C-alpha atoms as a PDB file:
ATOM      1  CA  MET A   1       0.000   0.000   0.000  1.00  0.00           C
ATOM      2  CA  LYS A   2       1.406   3.376  -0.995  1.00  0.00           C
ATOM      3  CA  PRO A   3       0.052   6.210   1.172  1.00  0.00           C
ATOM      4  CA  ILE A   4      -0.640   9.667  -0.139  1.00  0.00           C
ATOM      5  CA  ALA A   5       2.378  11.597   1.050  1.00  0.00           C
ATOM      6  CA  THR A   6       1.230  15.185   0.772  1.00  0.00           C
ATOM      7  CA  ASP A   7      -1.818  17.411   0.668  1.00  0.00           C
ATOM      8  CA  HIS A   8      -0.708  18.436  -2.828  1.00  0.00           C
ATOM      9  CA  GLU A   9      -0.993  14.840  -4.040  1.00  0.00           C
ATOM     10  CA  PHE A  10      -4.400  14.449  -2.368  1.00  0.00           C
ATOM     11  CA  ALA A  11      -5.577  17.664  -4.020  1.00  0.00           C
ATOM     12  CA  ARG A  12      -4.222  16.555  -7.394  1.00  0.00           C
ATOM     13  CA  ARG A  13      -6.071  13.253  -7.222  1.00  0.00           C
ATOM     14  CA  THR A  14      -9.245  15.014  -6.135  1.00  0.00           C
ATOM     15  CA  GLN A  15      -9.109  17.491  -9.004  1.00  0.00           C
ATOM     16  CA  CYS A  16      -8.286  14.877 -11.645  1.00  0.00           C
ATOM     17  CA  ALA A  17     -10.862  12.347 -10.508  1.00  0.00           C
ATOM     18  CA  LEU A  18     -13.720  14.766 -10.071  1.00  0.00           C
ATOM     19  CA  THR A  19     -13.268  16.717 -13.278  1.00  0.00           C
ATOM     20  CA  ALA A  20     -13.145  13.447 -15.194  1.00  0.00           C
ATOM     21  CA  ASN A  21     -16.206  11.885 -13.576  1.00  0.00           C
ATOM     22  CA  SER A  22     -19.262  14.126 -13.454  1.00  0.00           C
ATOM     23  CA  TYR A  23     -22.567  12.781 -12.184  1.00  0.00           C
ATOM     24  CA  PRO A  24     -25.110  15.609 -11.945  1.00  0.00           C
ATOM     25  CA  LEU A  25     -28.410  15.005 -10.218  1.00  0.00           C
ATOM     26  CA  SER A  26     -31.528  16.625 -11.560  1.00  0.00           C
ATOM     27  CA  ALA A  27     -35.251  16.088 -11.539  1.00  0.00           C
ATOM     28  CA  ALA A  28     -35.162  15.926 -15.329  1.00  0.00           C
ATOM     29  CA  ARG A  29     -33.550  12.493 -15.476  1.00  0.00           C
ATOM     30  CA  ALA A  30     -34.662   9.142 -14.111  1.00  0.00           C
ATOM     31  CA  ALA A  31     -34.063   8.657 -10.400  1.00  0.00           C
ATOM     32  CA  SER A  32     -30.968   6.645  -9.482  1.00  0.00           C
ATOM     33  CA  SER A  33     -30.935   3.904  -6.892  1.00  0.00           C
ATOM     34  CA  PRO A  34     -28.793   4.190  -3.744  1.00  0.00           C
ATOM     35  CA  ALA A  35     -26.482   1.505  -5.145  1.00  0.00           C
ATOM     36  CA  GLU A  36     -25.995   3.428  -8.400  1.00  0.00           C
ATOM     37  CA  ILE A  37     -25.192   6.586  -6.476  1.00  0.00           C
ATOM     38  CA  ILE A  38     -22.565   4.761  -4.387  1.00  0.00           C
ATOM     39  CA  LEU A  39     -21.001   3.248  -7.523  1.00  0.00           C
ATOM     40  CA  SER A  40     -20.862   6.699  -9.135  1.00  0.00           C
ATOM     41  CA  LYS A  41     -18.538   8.029  -6.445  1.00  0.00           C
ATOM     42  CA  VAL A  42     -14.802   8.332  -6.987  1.00  0.00           C
ATOM     43  CA  PRO A  43     -12.671   6.344  -4.502  1.00  0.00           C
ATOM     44  CA  LEU A  44     -10.015   8.683  -3.129  1.00  0.00           C
ATOM     45  CA  PRO A  45      -7.322   7.409  -0.771  1.00  0.00           C
ATOM     46  CA  THR A  46      -6.237   9.880   1.885  1.00  0.00           C
ATOM     47  CA  HIS A  47      -4.155  10.158   5.014  1.00  0.00           C
ATOM     48  CA  LEU A  48      -6.504  12.827   6.418  1.00  0.00           C
ATOM     49  CA  ASP A  49      -8.719  12.044   9.394  1.00  0.00           C
ATOM     50  CA  SER A  50     -12.461  12.737   9.520  1.00  0.00           C
ATOM     51  CA  ALA A  51     -12.110  16.214  11.005  1.00  0.00           C
ATOM     52  CA  GLU A  52      -9.518  17.237   8.422  1.00  0.00           C
ATOM     53  CA  ILE A  53     -11.636  15.933   5.547  1.00  0.00           C
ATOM     54  CA  ARG A  54     -14.619  17.866   6.873  1.00  0.00           C
ATOM     55  CA  SER A  55     -12.730  21.133   7.373  1.00  0.00           C
ATOM     56  CA  ARG A  56     -10.442  21.134   4.341  1.00  0.00           C
ATOM     57  CA  VAL A  57     -12.486  19.600   1.510  1.00  0.00           C
ATOM     58  CA  ALA A  58     -15.562  21.256  -0.020  1.00  0.00           C
ATOM     59  CA  ARG A  59     -18.866  19.548   0.719  1.00  0.00           C
ATOM     60  CA  GLU A  60     -19.654  18.969  -2.957  1.00  0.00           C
ATOM     61  CA  ILE A  61     -16.406  17.055  -3.339  1.00  0.00           C
ATOM     62  CA  ARG A  62     -17.037  14.988  -0.215  1.00  0.00           C
ATOM     63  CA  GLU A  63     -20.423  14.027  -1.639  1.00  0.00           C
ATOM     64  CA  ARG A  64     -18.843  12.988  -4.925  1.00  0.00           C
ATOM     65  CA  ALA A  65     -15.950  10.977  -3.498  1.00  0.00           C
ATOM     66  CA  LEU A  66     -15.704   7.834  -1.392  1.00  0.00           C
ATOM     67  CA  PHE A  67     -13.435   8.423   1.594  1.00  0.00           C
ATOM     68  CA  SER A  68     -12.543   6.531   4.702  1.00  0.00           C
ATOM     69  CA  ALA A  69     -10.583   8.388   7.357  1.00  0.00           C
ATOM     70  CA  ARG A  70      -6.843   7.735   7.126  1.00  0.00           C
ATOM     71  CA  MET A  71      -7.375   5.047   4.488  1.00  0.00           C
ATOM     72  CA  ALA A  72      -4.730   5.278   1.755  1.00  0.00           C
ATOM     73  CA  SER A  73      -5.421   1.926   0.078  1.00  0.00           C
ATOM     74  CA  MET A  74      -7.179   2.267  -3.271  1.00  0.00           C
ATOM     75  CA  GLN A  75      -7.651  -1.512  -3.369  1.00  0.00           C
ATOM     76  CA  TYR A  76      -9.617  -1.441  -0.134  1.00  0.00           C
ATOM     77  CA  LEU A  77     -11.706   1.565  -1.159  1.00  0.00           C
ATOM     78  CA  LYS A  78     -12.740  -0.170  -4.383  1.00  0.00           C
ATOM     79  CA  SER A  79     -13.747  -3.258  -2.402  1.00  0.00           C
ATOM     80  CA  LEU A  80     -15.587  -1.051   0.071  1.00  0.00           C
ATOM     81  CA  GLN A  81     -17.492   0.581  -2.791  1.00  0.00           C
ATOM     82  CA  ARG A  82     -18.657  -2.777  -4.163  1.00  0.00           C
ATOM     83  CA  VAL A  83     -19.735  -4.003  -0.739  1.00  0.00           C
ATOM     84  CA  LEU A  84     -21.558  -0.744   0.042  1.00  0.00           C
ATOM     85  CA  ALA A  85     -23.467  -0.947  -3.242  1.00  0.00           C
ATOM     86  CA  ALA A  86     -24.497  -4.548  -2.563  1.00  0.00           C
ATOM     87  CA  TYR A  87     -25.556  -3.624   0.968  1.00  0.00           C
ATOM     88  CA  ALA A  88     -27.563  -0.604  -0.215  1.00  0.00           C
ATOM     89  CA  ASP A  89     -29.228  -2.786  -2.869  1.00  0.00           C
ATOM     90  CA  GLY A  90     -30.224  -5.449  -0.332  1.00  0.00           C
ATOM     91  CA  GLN A  91     -27.917  -8.115  -1.747  1.00  0.00           C
ATOM     92  CA  LEU A  92     -25.956  -8.245   1.509  1.00  0.00           C
ATOM     93  CA  ASN A  93     -27.087  -7.821   5.094  1.00  0.00           C
ATOM     94  CA  ALA A  94     -25.001  -5.834   7.556  1.00  0.00           C
ATOM     95  CA  ALA A  95     -23.319  -8.885   9.081  1.00  0.00           C
ATOM     96  CA  ASP A  96     -22.253 -10.314   5.710  1.00  0.00           C
ATOM     97  CA  ALA A  97     -21.087  -6.913   4.477  1.00  0.00           C
ATOM     98  CA  ARG A  98     -19.014  -6.454   7.623  1.00  0.00           C
ATOM     99  CA  LEU A  99     -17.439  -9.917   7.263  1.00  0.00           C
ATOM    100  CA  ARG A 100     -16.477  -9.253   3.652  1.00  0.00           C
ATOM    101  CA  LEU A 101     -14.807  -5.981   4.571  1.00  0.00           C
ATOM    102  CA  MET A 102     -12.982  -7.588   7.487  1.00  0.00           C
ATOM    103  CA  GLY A 103     -11.679 -10.231   5.090  1.00  0.00           C
ATOM    104  CA  VAL A 104     -10.357  -7.620   2.667  1.00  0.00           C
ATOM    105  CA  LEU A 105      -8.714  -5.638   5.460  1.00  0.00           C
ATOM    106  CA  ASP A 106      -7.077  -8.767   6.881  1.00  0.00           C
ATOM    107  CA  SER A 107      -5.761  -9.788   3.466  1.00  0.00           C
ATOM    108  CA  LEU A 108      -4.226  -6.332   2.992  1.00  0.00           C
ATOM    109  CA  GLY A 109      -2.840  -6.182   6.528  1.00  0.00           C
ATOM    110  CA  LEU A 110      -4.789  -3.015   7.311  1.00  0.00           C
ATOM    111  CA  SER A 111      -6.555  -4.017  10.535  1.00  0.00           C
ATOM    112  CA  ASP A 112      -4.519  -3.432  13.685  1.00  0.00           C
ATOM    113  CA  GLY A 113      -6.736  -5.674  15.844  1.00  0.00           C
ATOM    114  CA  SER A 114      -7.372  -3.009  18.464  1.00  0.00           C
ATOM    115  CA  ASN A 115     -11.126  -2.919  17.762  1.00  0.00           C
ATOM    116  CA  ALA A 116     -11.011   0.821  18.428  1.00  0.00           C
ATOM    117  CA  LEU A 117     -12.893   3.247  16.204  1.00  0.00           C
ATOM    118  CA  THR A 118      -9.554   4.145  14.584  1.00  0.00           C
ATOM    119  CA  ASP A 119      -9.047   0.478  13.599  1.00  0.00           C
ATOM    120  CA  PRO A 120     -10.354   0.026  10.013  1.00  0.00           C
ATOM    121  CA  GLY A 121     -11.419  -3.527  10.931  1.00  0.00           C
ATOM    122  CA  SER A 122     -13.379  -2.730  14.080  1.00  0.00           C
ATOM    123  CA  ALA A 123     -17.034  -3.740  14.008  1.00  0.00           C
ATOM    124  CA  ARG A 124     -18.040  -0.336  15.342  1.00  0.00           C
ATOM    125  CA  ARG A 125     -16.255   1.542  12.550  1.00  0.00           C
ATOM    126  CA  LEU A 126     -17.526  -0.787   9.823  1.00  0.00           C
ATOM    127  CA  ASN A 127     -21.095  -0.555  11.124  1.00  0.00           C
ATOM    128  CA  LEU A 128     -20.865   3.243  11.124  1.00  0.00           C
ATOM    129  CA  ILE A 129     -19.542   3.311   7.543  1.00  0.00           C
ATOM    130  CA  LEU A 130     -22.191   0.895   6.268  1.00  0.00           C
ATOM    131  CA  GLN A 131     -25.044   2.677   7.988  1.00  0.00           C
ATOM    132  CA  THR A 132     -23.949   6.214   7.088  1.00  0.00           C
ATOM    133  CA  GLN A 133     -23.201   5.517   3.419  1.00  0.00           C
ATOM    134  CA  LYS A 134     -26.499   3.660   2.948  1.00  0.00           C
ATOM    135  CA  GLN A 135     -28.491   6.485   4.569  1.00  0.00           C
ATOM    136  CA  MET A 136     -26.731   9.161   2.535  1.00  0.00           C
ATOM    137  CA  ALA A 137     -27.225   7.352  -0.766  1.00  0.00           C
ATOM    138  CA  ALA A 138     -30.892   6.726   0.027  1.00  0.00           C
ATOM    139  CA  ALA A 139     -31.435  10.404   0.844  1.00  0.00           C
ATOM    140  CA  VAL A 140     -29.765  11.591  -2.372  1.00  0.00           C
ATOM    141  CA  ALA A 141     -31.810   9.090  -4.404  1.00  0.00           C
ATOM    142  CA  ARG A 142     -34.948  10.393  -2.733  1.00  0.00           C
ATOM    143  CA  ILE A 143     -34.063  14.001  -3.534  1.00  0.00           C
ATOM    144  CA  ASP A 144     -33.309  12.982  -7.090  1.00  0.00           C
ATOM    145  CA  SER A 145     -36.825  11.552  -7.443  1.00  0.00           C
ATOM    146  CA  GLN A 146     -38.620  14.793  -6.514  1.00  0.00           C
ATOM    147  CA  SER A 147     -40.611  15.668  -9.628  1.00  0.00           C
ATOM    148  CA  PRO A 148     -42.778  18.816  -9.832  1.00  0.00           C
ATOM    149  CA  ALA A 149     -45.848  16.621  -9.334  1.00  0.00           C
ATOM    150  CA  ILE A 150     -44.431  15.104  -6.146  1.00  0.00           C
ATOM    151  CA  LEU A 151     -43.404  18.519  -4.829  1.00  0.00           C
ATOM    152  CA  GLU A 152     -46.874  19.882  -5.467  1.00  0.00           C
ATOM    153  CA  GLN A 153     -48.420  17.103  -3.374  1.00  0.00           C
ATOM    154  CA  TRP A 154     -45.621  16.671  -0.807  1.00  0.00           C
ATOM    155  CA  PRO A 155     -43.698  19.987  -0.577  1.00  0.00           C
ATOM    156  CA  ALA A 156     -42.134  19.532   2.873  1.00  0.00           C
ATOM    157  CA  TRP A 157     -40.116  17.135   4.997  1.00  0.00           C
ATOM    158  CA  ARG A 158     -40.571  16.222   8.652  1.00  0.00           C
ATOM    159  CA  LEU A 159     -37.460  15.150  10.550  1.00  0.00           C
ATOM    160  CA  THR A 160     -38.433  12.239  12.759  1.00  0.00           C
ATOM    161  CA  ARG A 161     -36.897   9.199  14.389  1.00  0.00           C
ATOM    162  CA  PHE A 162     -36.839   6.033  12.325  1.00  0.00           C
ATOM    163  CA  GLY A 163     -33.955   4.082  13.836  1.00  0.00           C
ATOM    164  CA  SER A 164     -33.654   3.202  17.519  1.00  0.00           C
ATOM    165  CA  ARG A 165     -30.389   4.006  19.268  1.00  0.00           C
ATOM    166  CA  ARG A 166     -28.942   2.852  22.583  1.00  0.00           C
ATOM    167  CA  GLU A 167     -28.256   6.473  23.500  1.00  0.00           C
ATOM    168  CA  PRO A 168     -30.348   8.650  21.160  1.00  0.00           C
ATOM    169  CA  ARG A 169     -29.524  12.332  20.898  1.00  0.00           C
ATOM    170  CA  THR A 170     -31.922  14.480  22.903  1.00  0.00           C
ATOM    171  CA  ASP A 171     -30.892  17.832  21.437  1.00  0.00           C
ATOM    172  CA  TRP A 172     -32.640  17.819  18.049  1.00  0.00           C
ATOM    173  CA  LEU A 173     -34.962  20.649  19.022  1.00  0.00           C
ATOM    174  CA  ARG A 174     -31.954  22.776  20.032  1.00  0.00           C
ATOM    175  CA  ARG A 175     -30.253  21.923  16.748  1.00  0.00           C
ATOM    176  CA  TRP A 176     -33.425  22.902  14.891  1.00  0.00           C
ATOM    177  CA  GLN A 177     -33.678  26.212  16.725  1.00  0.00           C
ATOM    178  CA  ALA A 178     -30.054  27.058  15.960  1.00  0.00           C
ATOM    179  CA  ALA A 179     -30.431  26.122  12.280  1.00  0.00           C
ATOM    180  CA  GLY A 180     -33.705  28.036  11.974  1.00  0.00           C
ATOM    181  CA  GLU A 181     -32.249  31.175  13.506  1.00  0.00           C
ATOM    182  CA  ALA A 182     -29.250  30.916  11.182  1.00  0.00           C
ATOM    183  CA  VAL A 183     -31.511  31.109   8.107  1.00  0.00           C
ATOM    184  CA  GLY A 184     -34.234  33.396   9.471  1.00  0.00           C
ATOM    185  CA  TRP A 185     -36.748  30.529   9.584  1.00  0.00           C
ATOM    186  CA  GLN A 186     -37.113  30.647   5.809  1.00  0.00           C
ATOM    187  CA  GLY A 187     -39.600  27.951   4.849  1.00  0.00           C
ATOM    188  CA  ALA A 188     -39.385  26.298   8.270  1.00  0.00           C
ATOM    189  CA  HIS A 189     -41.665  25.854  11.283  1.00  0.00           C
ATOM    190  CA  ARG A 190     -40.337  27.281  14.527  1.00  0.00           C
ATOM    191  CA  ARG A 191     -41.515  24.548  16.909  1.00  0.00           C
ATOM    192  CA  LEU A 192     -42.043  21.404  14.829  1.00  0.00           C
ATOM    193  CA  LEU A 193     -39.217  19.770  12.872  1.00  0.00           C
ATOM    194  CA  VAL A 194     -40.984  20.504   9.583  1.00  0.00           C
ATOM    195  CA  ALA A 195     -39.738  22.596   6.671  1.00  0.00           C
ATOM    196  CA  LEU A 196     -40.208  22.945   2.953  1.00  0.00           C
ATOM    197  CA  LYS A 197     -37.961  20.653   0.972  1.00  0.00           C
ATOM    198  CA  SER A 198     -36.253  23.729  -0.464  1.00  0.00           C
ATOM    199  CA  SER A 199     -35.734  25.433   2.910  1.00  0.00           C
ATOM    200  CA  PRO A 200     -32.121  26.390   3.708  1.00  0.00           C
ATOM    201  CA  ILE A 201     -32.647  25.020   7.227  1.00  0.00           C
ATOM    202  CA  TRP A 202     -31.610  21.572   6.000  1.00  0.00           C
ATOM    203  CA  GLU A 203     -28.215  22.823   4.921  1.00  0.00           C
ATOM    204  CA  ALA A 204     -27.788  24.757   8.182  1.00  0.00           C
ATOM    205  CA  LEU A 205     -28.693  21.624  10.142  1.00  0.00           C
ATOM    206  CA  GLY A 206     -26.113  19.610   8.248  1.00  0.00           C
ATOM    207  CA  ARG A 207     -23.450  22.290   8.755  1.00  0.00           C
ATOM    208  CA  GLY A 208     -23.935  22.137  12.510  1.00  0.00           C
ATOM    209  CA  ALA A 209     -25.346  25.642  12.983  1.00  0.00           C
ATOM    210  CA  GLY A 210     -25.089  26.526  16.647  1.00  0.00           C
ATOM    211  CA  GLY A 211     -21.694  24.877  17.084  1.00  0.00           C
ATOM    212  CA  PHE A 212     -22.590  21.190  16.810  1.00  0.00           C
ATOM    213  CA  ARG A 213     -19.438  19.314  15.795  1.00  0.00           C
ATOM    214  CA  ASP A 214     -20.817  15.846  15.015  1.00  0.00           C
ATOM    215  CA  THR A 215     -22.596  16.780  11.794  1.00  0.00           C
ATOM    216  CA  LEU A 216     -21.747  15.483   8.322  1.00  0.00           C
ATOM    217  CA  GLY A 217     -22.069  18.727   6.364  1.00  0.00           C
ATOM    218  CA  ASN A 218     -24.843  17.425   4.115  1.00  0.00           C
ATOM    219  CA  PRO A 219     -28.279  19.038   3.565  1.00  0.00           C
ATOM    220  CA  TYR A 220     -29.938  15.627   3.938  1.00  0.00           C
ATOM    221  CA  PRO A 221     -30.009  12.722   6.443  1.00  0.00           C
ATOM    222  CA  PRO A 222     -28.087  11.584   8.301  1.00  0.00           C
ATOM    223  CA  PHE A 223     -27.360  15.054   9.623  1.00  0.00           C
ATOM    224  CA  ALA A 224     -25.020  13.680  12.313  1.00  0.00           C
ATOM    225  CA  TYR A 225     -22.858  10.591  12.752  1.00  0.00           C
ATOM    226  CA  GLY A 226     -24.858   7.530  13.783  1.00  0.00           C
ATOM    227  CA  SER A 227     -28.157   9.397  13.739  1.00  0.00           C
ATOM    228  CA  GLY A 228     -31.446   7.517  13.564  1.00  0.00           C
ATOM    229  CA  MET A 229     -33.354  10.583  12.363  1.00  0.00           C
ATOM    230  CA  ASP A 230     -34.737  10.625   8.842  1.00  0.00           C
ATOM    231  CA  TRP A 231     -37.252  12.390   6.622  1.00  0.00           C
ATOM    232  CA  GLU A 232     -40.913  11.689   6.056  1.00  0.00           C
ATOM    233  CA  ASP A 233     -43.061  13.516   3.511  1.00  0.00           C
ATOM    234  CA  VAL A 234     -45.442  16.248   4.631  1.00  0.00           C
ATOM    235  CA  SER A 235     -48.505  16.957   2.492  1.00  0.00           C
ATOM    236  CA  ALA A 236     -49.341  20.339   0.983  1.00  0.00           C
ATOM    237  CA  GLU A 237     -52.435  20.521   3.194  1.00  0.00           C
ATOM    238  CA  GLU A 238     -50.462  19.983   6.401  1.00  0.00           C
ATOM    239  CA  ALA A 239     -47.705  22.376   5.306  1.00  0.00           C
ATOM    240  CA  ALA A 240     -50.296  25.080   4.676  1.00  0.00           C
ATOM    241  CA  ARG A 241     -51.904  24.474   8.096  1.00  0.00           C
ATOM    242  CA  LEU A 242     -48.472  24.986   9.659  1.00  0.00           C
ATOM    243  CA  GLY A 243     -48.095  28.337   7.937  1.00  0.00           C
ATOM    244  CA  LEU A 244     -45.670  27.202   5.236  1.00  0.00           C
ATOM    245  CA  ASP A 245     -46.242  28.178   1.616  1.00  0.00           C
ATOM    246  CA  PRO A 246     -46.405  24.930  -0.416  1.00  0.00           C
ATOM    247  CA  THR A 247     -46.232  26.824  -3.702  1.00  0.00           C
ATOM    248  CA  SER A 248     -42.765  28.163  -2.908  1.00  0.00           C
ATOM    249  CA  ALA A 249     -41.160  24.718  -2.728  1.00  0.00           C
ATOM    250  CA  HIS A 250     -38.743  23.860  -5.517  1.00  0.00           C
ATOM    251  CA  PRO A 251     -36.393  20.928  -6.197  1.00  0.00           C
ATOM    252  CA  GLN A 252     -33.432  20.607  -3.857  1.00  0.00           C
ATOM    253  CA  ARG A 253     -29.896  20.675  -5.162  1.00  0.00           C
ATOM    254  CA  ALA A 254     -28.053  17.438  -4.423  1.00  0.00           C
ATOM    255  CA  SER A 255     -25.256  17.568  -6.943  1.00  0.00           C
ATOM    256  CA  LEU A 256     -22.597  14.892  -6.995  1.00  0.00           C
ATOM    257  CA  ALA A 257     -20.661  16.792  -9.645  1.00  0.00           C
ATOM    258  CA  PRO A 258     -18.698  19.743  -8.217  1.00  0.00           C
ATOM    259  CA  ASP A 259     -17.965  22.577 -10.575  1.00  0.00           C
ATOM    260  CA  GLU A 260     -14.711  24.483 -10.953  1.00  0.00           C
ATOM    261  CA  ARG A 261     -15.593  26.850  -8.115  1.00  0.00           C
ATOM    262  CA  ASP A 262     -16.115  23.930  -5.715  1.00  0.00           C
ATOM    263  CA  ILE A 263     -12.841  22.307  -6.701  1.00  0.00           C
ATOM    264  CA  LEU A 264     -10.933  25.574  -6.341  1.00  0.00           C
ATOM    265  CA  GLU A 265     -12.492  26.045  -2.901  1.00  0.00           C
ATOM    266  CA  ALA A 266     -11.245  22.646  -1.794  1.00  0.00           C
ATOM    267  CA  MET A 267      -7.842  23.193  -3.305  1.00  0.00           C
ATOM    268  CA  GLY A 268      -7.561  26.552  -1.558  1.00  0.00           C
ATOM    269  CA  ARG A 269      -8.101  24.866   1.786  1.00  0.00           C
ATOM    270  CA  THR A 270      -4.928  22.867   1.202  1.00  0.00           C
ATOM    271  CA  GLY A 271      -2.964  26.082   0.690  1.00  0.00           C
ATOM    272  CA  LEU A 272      -2.700  25.580  -3.079  1.00  0.00           C
ATOM    273  CA  SER A 273      -3.732  27.966  -5.817  1.00  0.00           C
ATOM    274  CA  ALA A 274      -5.415  27.565  -9.199  1.00  0.00           C
ATOM    275  CA  LYS A 275      -2.070  27.715 -11.014  1.00  0.00           C
ATOM    276  CA  ASP A 276      -1.246  24.283  -9.588  1.00  0.00           C
ATOM    277  CA  PHE A 277      -3.990  22.709 -11.674  1.00  0.00           C
ATOM    278  CA  ALA A 278      -5.116  22.618 -15.290  1.00  0.00           C
ATOM    279  CA  LEU A 279      -8.531  24.079 -14.481  1.00  0.00           C
END
């Protein structure tokens, strides 16, 4: 395994891979399945940890690439991608997916046996990766399916608990208040976790408005690591009763194809400039 030695090399691979592999999402084309969305991502080895990836790489690029913190093996990332797609498609259950990944890691000598979250082969880390990637792909596929007819009938989302957790977060209302205040409550209810699908509150929630550090930076579920919260549709009639304007809803942007501006933003965070790349 050859690790990525420098931020410059990581940036170079990011720029080359993403400009060569565009995958725009739009309501105009047929909806993609979660498995197809996972397979469309570009595996990118990196020595960066989760916090560094979050702070130094633009969100649009994170959405478009398949990372694993401090994982510099392209061979493993390609295996991970195949397993994630099979898991998202229902061809593998979580236990079988985890066993396959453990086998790959063992064969490559990448598991240190500590079973800590920093160990690529730990059950906890693998479960988190499987769950998070499946949720994210499902959310993007759902956004991608929002036709004008669907938006007219179901213009809003409600954030509600779908998955049970041993220690569920109890601060979702505080997160909602912070996100709502950050965007002036545009298209969002102040007390209930309901907002138009086009409301900027979803992006603020994913960014961790209010100082929450466990968020993923995405404007769709899961909004935080290991979260069991997900969306359910809210009808136009209910949205109107809650004081939201159903006619102002419009398709969300969930692009998996960053443009030049997004790439330059990510490159700038590494301390590099546009002259370093053929953009």
